[in-house]
C-alpha atoms as a PDB file:
ATOM      1  CA  MET A   1      24.096 -11.088 -17.096  1.00  0.00           C
ATOM      2  CA  ALA A   2      23.465 -10.735 -13.369  1.00  0.00           C
ATOM      3  CA  GLY A   3      26.097  -8.896 -11.334  1.00  0.00           C
ATOM      4  CA  ILE A   4      26.451 -10.710  -8.008  1.00  0.00           C
ATOM      5  CA  HIS A   5      28.925  -9.613  -5.342  1.00  0.00           C
ATOM      6  CA  PRO A   6      31.020 -12.557  -4.067  1.00  0.00           C
ATOM      7  CA  SER A   7      29.871 -11.951  -0.468  1.00  0.00           C
ATOM      8  CA  ALA A   8      26.183 -12.419  -1.355  1.00  0.00           C
ATOM      9  CA  VAL A   9      24.577 -15.675  -0.186  1.00  0.00           C
ATOM     10  CA  ILE A  10      22.068 -17.118  -2.665  1.00  0.00           C
ATOM     11  CA  ALA A  11      20.326 -20.383  -1.811  1.00  0.00           C
ATOM     12  CA  ASP A  12      19.961 -23.145  -4.364  1.00  0.00           C
ATOM     13  CA  GLY A  13      16.641 -22.784  -6.142  1.00  0.00           C
ATOM     14  CA  ALA A  14      16.503 -18.978  -6.173  1.00  0.00           C
ATOM     15  CA  GLN A  15      15.751 -17.546  -9.615  1.00  0.00           C
ATOM     16  CA  ILE A  16      17.699 -14.450 -10.590  1.00  0.00           C
ATOM     17  CA  GLY A  17      16.564 -12.548 -13.696  1.00  0.00           C
ATOM     18  CA  ALA A  18      18.718 -10.983 -16.375  1.00  0.00           C
ATOM     19  CA  ASP A  19      20.715  -7.860 -15.542  1.00  0.00           C
ATOM     20  CA  CYS A  20      20.072  -8.055 -11.800  1.00  0.00           C
ATOM     21  CA  SER A  21      22.549  -6.422  -9.441  1.00  0.00           C
ATOM     22  CA  ILE A  22      23.039  -8.085  -6.050  1.00  0.00           C
ATOM     23  CA  GLY A  23      25.335  -6.138  -3.757  1.00  0.00           C
ATOM     24  CA  PRO A  24      27.549  -7.086  -0.823  1.00  0.00           C
ATOM     25  CA  PHE A  25      26.201  -9.240   2.008  1.00  0.00           C
ATOM     26  CA  CYS A  26      22.744  -9.805   0.541  1.00  0.00           C
ATOM     27  CA  VAL A  27      20.948 -13.036   1.500  1.00  0.00           C
ATOM     28  CA  ILE A  28      18.421 -14.593  -0.899  1.00  0.00           C
ATOM     29  CA  GLY A  29      16.258 -17.602  -0.006  1.00  0.00           C
ATOM     30  CA  ALA A  30      15.567 -20.693  -2.078  1.00  0.00           C
ATOM     31  CA  ASP A  31      11.994 -19.738  -3.084  1.00  0.00           C
ATOM     32  CA  VAL A  32      12.794 -16.187  -4.184  1.00  0.00           C
ATOM     33  CA  VAL A  33      12.260 -15.012  -7.776  1.00  0.00           C
ATOM     34  CA  LEU A  34      13.854 -11.725  -8.879  1.00  0.00           C
ATOM     35  CA  GLY A  35      12.630 -10.231 -12.145  1.00  0.00           C
ATOM     36  CA  ASP A  36      14.915  -8.731 -14.757  1.00  0.00           C
ATOM     37  CA  GLY A  37      16.903  -5.704 -13.682  1.00  0.00           C
ATOM     38  CA  VAL A  38      16.182  -5.939  -9.958  1.00  0.00           C
ATOM     39  CA  THR A  39      18.808  -4.222  -7.801  1.00  0.00           C
ATOM     40  CA  LEU A  40      19.572  -5.200  -4.205  1.00  0.00           C
ATOM     41  CA  LYS A  41      21.999  -2.521  -3.020  1.00  0.00           C
ATOM     42  CA  SER A  42      23.665  -4.307  -0.090  1.00  0.00           C
ATOM     43  CA  HIS A  43      22.784  -6.075   3.201  1.00  0.00           C
ATOM     44  CA  VAL A  44      19.301  -6.928   1.870  1.00  0.00           C
ATOM     45  CA  VAL A  45      17.468 -10.067   3.010  1.00  0.00           C
ATOM     46  CA  VAL A  46      14.870 -11.544   0.638  1.00  0.00           C
ATOM     47  CA  ASP A  47      13.299 -14.768   1.878  1.00  0.00           C
ATOM     48  CA  GLY A  48      10.129 -16.859   1.728  1.00  0.00           C
ATOM     49  CA  ASP A  49       7.995 -17.469  -1.357  1.00  0.00           C
ATOM     50  CA  THR A  50       8.704 -13.992  -2.669  1.00  0.00           C
ATOM     51  CA  GLN A  51       8.660 -12.552  -6.173  1.00  0.00           C
ATOM     52  CA  ILE A  52       9.998  -9.066  -6.954  1.00  0.00           C
ATOM     53  CA  GLY A  53       9.113  -7.473 -10.287  1.00  0.00           C
ATOM     54  CA  ALA A  54      11.437  -6.085 -12.932  1.00  0.00           C
ATOM     55  CA  GLY A  55      13.359  -2.898 -12.257  1.00  0.00           C
ATOM     56  CA  THR A  56      12.639  -2.739  -8.538  1.00  0.00           C
ATOM     57  CA  VAL A  57      15.448  -1.350  -6.362  1.00  0.00           C
ATOM     58  CA  VAL A  58      15.841  -2.428  -2.723  1.00  0.00           C
ATOM     59  CA  PHE A  59      18.112  -0.356  -0.498  1.00  0.00           C
ATOM     60  CA  PRO A  60      20.358  -1.560   2.355  1.00  0.00           C
ATOM     61  CA  PHE A  61      19.072  -3.347   5.470  1.00  0.00           C
ATOM     62  CA  SER A  62      15.597  -4.030   4.120  1.00  0.00           C
ATOM     63  CA  VAL A  63      14.016  -7.394   4.977  1.00  0.00           C
ATOM     64  CA  ILE A  64      11.587  -8.620   2.353  1.00  0.00           C
ATOM     65  CA  GLY A  65       9.487 -11.776   2.603  1.00  0.00           C
ATOM     66  CA  GLU A  66      10.144 -12.806   6.173  1.00  0.00           C
ATOM     67  CA  ILE A  67       7.376 -14.473   8.194  1.00  0.00           C
ATOM     68  CA  PRO A  68       4.450 -12.406   9.548  1.00  0.00           C
ATOM     69  CA  GLN A  69       4.566 -10.671  12.910  1.00  0.00           C
ATOM     70  CA  ASP A  70       1.503 -12.644  13.956  1.00  0.00           C
ATOM     71  CA  LEU A  71       1.544 -15.100  16.854  1.00  0.00           C
ATOM     72  CA  LYS A  72      -1.049 -17.247  15.072  1.00  0.00           C
ATOM     73  CA  PHE A  73       1.391 -17.944  12.244  1.00  0.00           C
ATOM     74  CA  ALA A  74       2.401 -21.601  12.425  1.00  0.00           C
ATOM     75  CA  GLY A  75       4.899 -21.901   9.619  1.00  0.00           C
ATOM     76  CA  GLU A  76       2.434 -22.401   6.781  1.00  0.00           C
ATOM     77  CA  LYS A  77       3.649 -21.625   3.272  1.00  0.00           C
ATOM     78  CA  THR A  78       2.467 -18.165   2.252  1.00  0.00           C
ATOM     79  CA  GLN A  79       3.503 -15.647  -0.367  1.00  0.00           C
ATOM     80  CA  LEU A  80       4.687 -12.130  -1.119  1.00  0.00           C
ATOM     81  CA  ARG A  81       4.306 -10.607  -4.583  1.00  0.00           C
ATOM     82  CA  ILE A  82       5.922  -7.253  -5.368  1.00  0.00           C
ATOM     83  CA  GLY A  83       5.438  -5.569  -8.740  1.00  0.00           C
ATOM     84  CA  ALA A  84       7.768  -3.689 -11.063  1.00  0.00           C
ATOM     85  CA  ARG A  85       9.814  -0.499 -10.687  1.00  0.00           C
ATOM     86  CA  ASN A  86       9.294  -0.051  -6.956  1.00  0.00           C
ATOM     87  CA  ARG A  87      11.760   1.849  -4.783  1.00  0.00           C
ATOM     88  CA  ILE A  88      12.122   0.166  -1.392  1.00  0.00           C
ATOM     89  CA  ARG A  89      14.338   2.285   0.823  1.00  0.00           C
ATOM     90  CA  GLU A  90      16.496   1.485   3.836  1.00  0.00           C
ATOM     91  CA  HIS A  91      15.188  -0.681   6.709  1.00  0.00           C
ATOM     92  CA  VAL A  92      11.824  -1.407   5.077  1.00  0.00           C
ATOM     93  CA  THR A  93      10.096  -4.644   6.154  1.00  0.00           C
ATOM     94  CA  ILE A  94       7.443  -6.409   4.052  1.00  0.00           C
ATOM     95  CA  ASN A  95       6.042  -9.724   5.315  1.00  0.00           C
ATOM     96  CA  THR A  96       4.421 -12.684   3.604  1.00  0.00           C
ATOM     97  CA  GLY A  97       0.744 -13.497   4.172  1.00  0.00           C
ATOM     98  CA  THR A  98      -1.045 -15.756   6.624  1.00  0.00           C
ATOM     99  CA  ALA A  99      -3.347 -18.699   6.012  1.00  0.00           C
ATOM    100  CA  GLN A 100      -6.163 -16.901   7.841  1.00  0.00           C
ATOM    101  CA  GLY A 101      -5.778 -13.785   5.672  1.00  0.00           C
ATOM    102  CA  GLY A 102      -5.679 -15.296   2.207  1.00  0.00           C
ATOM    103  CA  GLY A 103      -2.047 -16.359   2.222  1.00  0.00           C
ATOM    104  CA  ILE A 104      -0.567 -13.553   0.128  1.00  0.00           C
ATOM    105  CA  THR A 105       0.731 -10.010   0.566  1.00  0.00           C
ATOM    106  CA  ARG A 106       0.700  -7.957  -2.638  1.00  0.00           C
ATOM    107  CA  VAL A 107       2.455  -4.746  -3.660  1.00  0.00           C
ATOM    108  CA  GLY A 108       1.733  -3.162  -7.050  1.00  0.00           C
ATOM    109  CA  ASP A 109       3.985  -1.261  -9.450  1.00  0.00           C
ATOM    110  CA  ASP A 110       5.874   2.047  -9.253  1.00  0.00           C
ATOM    111  CA  GLY A 111       5.623   2.524  -5.490  1.00  0.00           C
ATOM    112  CA  LEU A 112       7.960   4.405  -3.173  1.00  0.00           C
ATOM    113  CA  PHE A 113       8.399   2.897   0.279  1.00  0.00           C
ATOM    114  CA  MET A 114      10.574   5.235   2.319  1.00  0.00           C
ATOM    115  CA  ALA A 115      13.025   4.349   5.039  1.00  0.00           C
ATOM    116  CA  GLY A 116      11.758   2.332   7.976  1.00  0.00           C
ATOM    117  CA  CYS A 117       8.197   1.738   6.809  1.00  0.00           C
ATOM    118  CA  HIS A 118       6.443  -1.596   7.344  1.00  0.00           C
ATOM    119  CA  ILE A 119       3.886  -3.536   5.299  1.00  0.00           C
ATOM    120  CA  ALA A 120       2.320  -6.359   7.283  1.00  0.00           C
ATOM    121  CA  HIS A 121       0.869  -9.739   6.351  1.00  0.00           C
ATOM    122  CA  ASP A 122      -1.946  -9.996   3.793  1.00  0.00           C
ATOM    123  CA  ALA A 123      -1.882  -6.268   2.974  1.00  0.00           C
ATOM    124  CA  GLN A 124      -2.906  -5.406  -0.594  1.00  0.00           C
ATOM    125  CA  ILE A 125      -1.028  -2.358  -1.863  1.00  0.00           C
ATOM    126  CA  GLY A 126      -1.916  -0.777  -5.213  1.00  0.00           C
ATOM    127  CA  ASN A 127       0.124   1.039  -7.856  1.00  0.00           C
ATOM    128  CA  ARG A 128       2.022   4.302  -7.399  1.00  0.00           C
ATOM    129  CA  VAL A 129       1.591   4.223  -3.620  1.00  0.00           C
ATOM    130  CA  ILE A 130       3.928   6.314  -1.482  1.00  0.00           C
ATOM    131  CA  ILE A 131       4.493   5.368   2.156  1.00  0.00           C
ATOM    132  CA  VAL A 132       6.695   7.873   3.934  1.00  0.00           C
ATOM    133  CA  ASN A 133       9.366   7.211   6.565  1.00  0.00           C
ATOM    134  CA  SER A 134       8.544   5.103   9.625  1.00  0.00           C
ATOM    135  CA  SER A 135       4.889   4.494   8.792  1.00  0.00           C
ATOM    136  CA  ALA A 136       3.248   1.108   9.336  1.00  0.00           C
ATOM    137  CA  VAL A 137       0.462  -0.580   7.398  1.00  0.00           C
ATOM    138  CA  ALA A 138      -1.047  -3.353   9.529  1.00  0.00           C
ATOM    139  CA  GLY A 139      -2.290  -6.746   8.449  1.00  0.00           C
ATOM    140  CA  HIS A 140      -5.146  -7.212   5.966  1.00  0.00           C
ATOM    141  CA  CYS A 141      -5.236  -3.551   4.894  1.00  0.00           C
ATOM    142  CA  VAL A 142      -6.163  -2.533   1.346  1.00  0.00           C
ATOM    143  CA  ILE A 143      -4.369   0.538   0.003  1.00  0.00           C
ATOM    144  CA  GLU A 144      -5.659   1.474  -3.445  1.00  0.00           C
ATOM    145  CA  ASP A 145      -3.749   3.187  -6.283  1.00  0.00           C
ATOM    146  CA  ASP A 146      -2.111   6.621  -5.900  1.00  0.00           C
ATOM    147  CA  VAL A 147      -2.421   6.809  -2.116  1.00  0.00           C
ATOM    148  CA  ILE A 148       0.119   8.818  -0.095  1.00  0.00           C
ATOM    149  CA  ILE A 149       0.655   7.934   3.575  1.00  0.00           C
ATOM    150  CA  GLY A 150       2.664  10.558   5.443  1.00  0.00           C
ATOM    151  CA  GLY A 151       5.515   9.967   7.841  1.00  0.00           C
ATOM    152  CA  LEU A 152       5.068   8.353  11.266  1.00  0.00           C
ATOM    153  CA  CYS A 153       1.547   7.143  10.464  1.00  0.00           C
ATOM    154  CA  GLY A 154      -0.160   3.974  11.600  1.00  0.00           C
ATOM    155  CA  VAL A 155      -2.891   2.242   9.607  1.00  0.00           C
ATOM    156  CA  HIS A 156      -4.993  -0.154  11.707  1.00  0.00           C
ATOM    157  CA  GLN A 157      -5.533  -3.723  10.533  1.00  0.00           C
ATOM    158  CA  TRP A 158      -8.406  -4.352   8.067  1.00  0.00           C
ATOM    159  CA  VAL A 159      -8.598  -0.673   7.080  1.00  0.00           C
ATOM    160  CA  ARG A 160      -9.194   0.271   3.427  1.00  0.00           C
ATOM    161  CA  ILE A 161      -7.814   3.506   1.964  1.00  0.00           C
ATOM    162  CA  GLY A 162      -9.422   4.514  -1.327  1.00  0.00           C
ATOM    163  CA  GLN A 163      -7.698   5.596  -4.510  1.00  0.00           C
ATOM    164  CA  GLY A 164      -5.954   8.962  -4.455  1.00  0.00           C
ATOM    165  CA  ALA A 165      -6.386   9.581  -0.724  1.00  0.00           C
ATOM    166  CA  ILE A 166      -3.695  11.323   1.314  1.00  0.00           C
ATOM    167  CA  ILE A 167      -2.925  10.730   4.991  1.00  0.00           C
ATOM    168  CA  GLY A 168      -1.158  13.566   6.809  1.00  0.00           C
ATOM    169  CA  ALA A 169       1.930  12.916   8.912  1.00  0.00           C
ATOM    170  CA  VAL A 170       1.650  11.522  12.452  1.00  0.00           C
ATOM    171  CA  THR A 171      -1.890  10.223  11.921  1.00  0.00           C
ATOM    172  CA  MET A 172      -3.460   7.035  13.269  1.00  0.00           C
ATOM    173  CA  VAL A 173      -6.029   5.703  10.781  1.00  0.00           C
ATOM    174  CA  THR A 174      -8.571   3.408  12.473  1.00  0.00           C
ATOM    175  CA  ALA A 175     -11.376   3.305   9.873  1.00  0.00           C
ATOM    176  CA  ASP A 176     -11.810   3.269   6.095  1.00  0.00           C
ATOM    177  CA  VAL A 177     -10.931   6.361   4.055  1.00  0.00           C
ATOM    178  CA  VAL A 178     -12.976   7.308   0.974  1.00  0.00           C
ATOM    179  CA  PRO A 179     -11.190   7.762  -2.387  1.00  0.00           C
ATOM    180  CA  HIS A 180      -9.464  11.147  -2.720  1.00  0.00           C
ATOM    181  CA  GLY A 181     -10.021  11.878   0.961  1.00  0.00           C
ATOM    182  CA  LEU A 182      -7.701  14.008   3.086  1.00  0.00           C
ATOM    183  CA  VAL A 183      -7.141  12.601   6.579  1.00  0.00           C
ATOM    184  CA  GLN A 184      -5.086  14.201   9.315  1.00  0.00           C
ATOM    185  CA  GLY A 185      -4.833  14.561  13.067  1.00  0.00           C
ATOM    186  CA  PRO A 186      -3.422  12.296  15.799  1.00  0.00           C
ATOM    187  CA  ARG A 187      -6.592  10.160  15.635  1.00  0.00           C
ATOM    188  CA  GLY A 188      -7.370  10.569  11.966  1.00  0.00           C
ATOM    189  CA  VAL A 189     -10.408  12.562  10.860  1.00  0.00           C
ATOM    190  CA  LEU A 190     -11.655  13.062   7.309  1.00  0.00           C
ATOM    191  CA  ASP A 191     -10.850  16.718   6.800  1.00  0.00           C
ATOM    192  CA  GLY A 192     -11.646  17.287   3.139  1.00  0.00           C
ATOM    193  CA  LEU A 193     -10.417  16.133  -0.269  1.00  0.00           C
ATOM    194  CA  ASN A 194      -6.934  15.670  -1.688  1.00  0.00           C
ATOM    195  CA  LEU A 195      -7.428  18.644  -4.023  1.00  0.00           C
ATOM    196  CA  VAL A 196      -3.711  19.097  -4.648  1.00  0.00           C
ATOM    197  CA  GLY A 197      -3.400  15.498  -5.780  1.00  0.00           C
ATOM    198  CA  LEU A 198      -6.456  15.773  -8.034  1.00  0.00           C
ATOM    199  CA  LYS A 199      -5.108  18.916  -9.705  1.00  0.00           C
ATOM    200  CA  ARG A 200      -1.649  17.411 -10.159  1.00  0.00           C
ATOM    201  CA  LYS A 201      -3.253  14.412 -11.813  1.00  0.00           C
ATOM    202  CA  GLY A 202      -5.032  16.729 -14.254  1.00  0.00           C
ATOM    203  CA  VAL A 203      -8.556  15.793 -13.175  1.00  0.00           C
ATOM    204  CA  ASP A 204     -11.177  17.835 -14.988  1.00  0.00           C
ATOM    205  CA  ARG A 205     -12.565  20.824 -13.087  1.00  0.00           C
ATOM    206  CA  ALA A 206     -16.109  19.464 -13.422  1.00  0.00           C
ATOM    207  CA  ASP A 207     -15.108  16.246 -11.667  1.00  0.00           C
ATOM    208  CA  ILE A 208     -13.371  18.164  -8.886  1.00  0.00           C
ATOM    209  CA  THR A 209     -16.502  20.270  -8.440  1.00  0.00           C
ATOM    210  CA  ALA A 210     -18.612  17.097  -8.342  1.00  0.00           C
ATOM    211  CA  LEU A 211     -16.311  15.565  -5.734  1.00  0.00           C
ATOM    212  CA  ARG A 212     -16.535  18.672  -3.570  1.00  0.00           C
ATOM    213  CA  ALA A 213     -20.321  18.581  -3.762  1.00  0.00           C
ATOM    214  CA  ALA A 214     -20.278  14.862  -2.939  1.00  0.00           C
ATOM    215  CA  PHE A 215     -18.104  15.458   0.105  1.00  0.00           C
ATOM    216  CA  GLN A 216     -20.516  18.129   1.316  1.00  0.00           C
ATOM    217  CA  MET A 217     -23.471  15.760   0.882  1.00  0.00           C
ATOM    218  CA  LEU A 218     -21.646  13.005   2.763  1.00  0.00           C
ATOM    219  CA  LYS A 219     -21.015  15.497   5.540  1.00  0.00           C
ATOM    220  CA  ASP A 220     -24.392  17.220   5.811  1.00  0.00           C
ATOM    221  CA  GLY A 221     -26.948  15.149   3.894  1.00  0.00           C
ATOM    222  CA  GLU A 222     -29.886  13.291   5.400  1.00  0.00           C
ATOM    223  CA  GLY A 223     -29.726   9.668   6.558  1.00  0.00           C
ATOM    224  CA  ASN A 224     -26.702   7.636   7.571  1.00  0.00           C
ATOM    225  CA  PHE A 225     -23.388   7.569   5.720  1.00  0.00           C
ATOM    226  CA  GLN A 226     -24.372   4.657   3.440  1.00  0.00           C
ATOM    227  CA  ASP A 227     -27.764   6.248   2.681  1.00  0.00           C
ATOM    228  CA  ARG A 228     -26.036   9.436   1.583  1.00  0.00           C
ATOM    229  CA  ALA A 229     -23.670   7.448  -0.629  1.00  0.00           C
ATOM    230  CA  ARG A 230     -26.544   5.612  -2.317  1.00  0.00           C
ATOM    231  CA  LYS A 231     -28.231   8.929  -3.046  1.00  0.00           C
ATOM    232  CA  LEU A 232     -24.995  10.238  -4.526  1.00  0.00           C
ATOM    233  CA  GLY A 233     -24.805   7.214  -6.821  1.00  0.00           C
ATOM    234  CA  ASP A 234     -28.308   7.952  -8.117  1.00  0.00           C
ATOM    235  CA  GLU A 235     -27.669  11.635  -8.731  1.00  0.00           C
ATOM    236  CA  THR A 236     -24.196  11.942 -10.298  1.00  0.00           C
ATOM    237  CA  ASP A 237     -22.627  11.179 -13.671  1.00  0.00           C
ATOM    238  CA  SER A 238     -19.065  11.799 -12.450  1.00  0.00           C
ATOM    239  CA  ALA A 239     -16.906   8.682 -12.689  1.00  0.00           C
ATOM    240  CA  TYR A 240     -14.875   9.950  -9.722  1.00  0.00           C
ATOM    241  CA  VAL A 241     -17.939  10.270  -7.513  1.00  0.00           C
ATOM    242  CA  GLN A 242     -19.228   6.886  -8.701  1.00  0.00           C
ATOM    243  CA  ASP A 243     -15.878   5.397  -7.669  1.00  0.00           C
ATOM    244  CA  MET A 244     -16.315   6.929  -4.233  1.00  0.00           C
ATOM    245  CA  VAL A 245     -19.821   5.457  -4.000  1.00  0.00           C
ATOM    246  CA  ARG A 246     -18.506   2.026  -5.044  1.00  0.00           C
ATOM    247  CA  PHE A 247     -15.912   2.179  -2.316  1.00  0.00           C
ATOM    248  CA  ILE A 248     -18.349   3.212   0.408  1.00  0.00           C
ATOM    249  CA  LEU A 249     -20.960   0.598  -0.501  1.00  0.00           C
ATOM    250  CA  GLY A 250     -18.383  -2.171  -0.948  1.00  0.00           C
ATOM    251  CA  PRO A 251     -17.544  -4.787   1.685  1.00  0.00           C
ATOM    252  CA  SER A 252     -15.694  -3.484   4.714  1.00  0.00           C
ATOM    253  CA  ASP A 253     -14.568  -4.816   8.066  1.00  0.00           C
ATOM    254  CA  ARG A 254     -14.500  -1.365   9.662  1.00  0.00           C
ATOM    255  CA  ASN A 255     -16.549   1.835   9.813  1.00  0.00           C
ATOM    256  CA  PHE A 256     -15.651   4.880   7.725  1.00  0.00           C
ATOM    257  CA  LEU A 257     -13.937   8.013   8.812  1.00  0.00           C
ATOM    258  CA  THR A 258     -16.763  10.507   8.260  1.00  0.00           C
ATOM    259  CA  PRO A 259     -16.379  14.226   7.473  1.00  0.00           C
ATOM    260  CA  GLY A 260     -15.879  16.326  10.555  1.00  0.00           C
END
């Protein structure tokens, strides 16, 4: 049975799952679908064609599913899909998509989106992503699984950040980041690998060694960045390095941050 505070405003047509908790002064639009066990603490706005997965908790003053911050947006019907068990903290904003960008913004499962962060239109956010306070992910970005974006960061539109990468605080990311990369600095530079994250995940020592060798080849090997990646793909059996090669050789709208 859903627990709905009497001051909450829920439009006709909204679908509220079992065991949801909707706190004081929340506003829920007509096209919203809340999965089972979703909690809206208080003063939360959820609007647009938005679905929020089971067990997700949204903290006060967040605005989820409002229209994009894009002057080209002309009122077309677009979507936002948020997965299960996310923690969306205070003052977070997540927008729906745009017709030009595919029409849908997606957020995976088990993420932590800290106070004041922003996820823009058509962004594709993976599972177990952490975005720290007051960071912004611009439109059309792809953030793969297990990425951590530090506080006060900006991620430029169309940028891809590969699985397991970490972005240090107060960094502007203007180009793609390879999986498991470590990026830091006011204008982000690829400064190594996320070794702490790899060890915490329990990655085998042989794979970590292979990744370190791959990073060194990408930094100092012959040919351009893509040539070095192709050579890596031919020479390694490590699934982690092969994933890095896949990412580098995949489609991209921006250049890569290369090792400094």
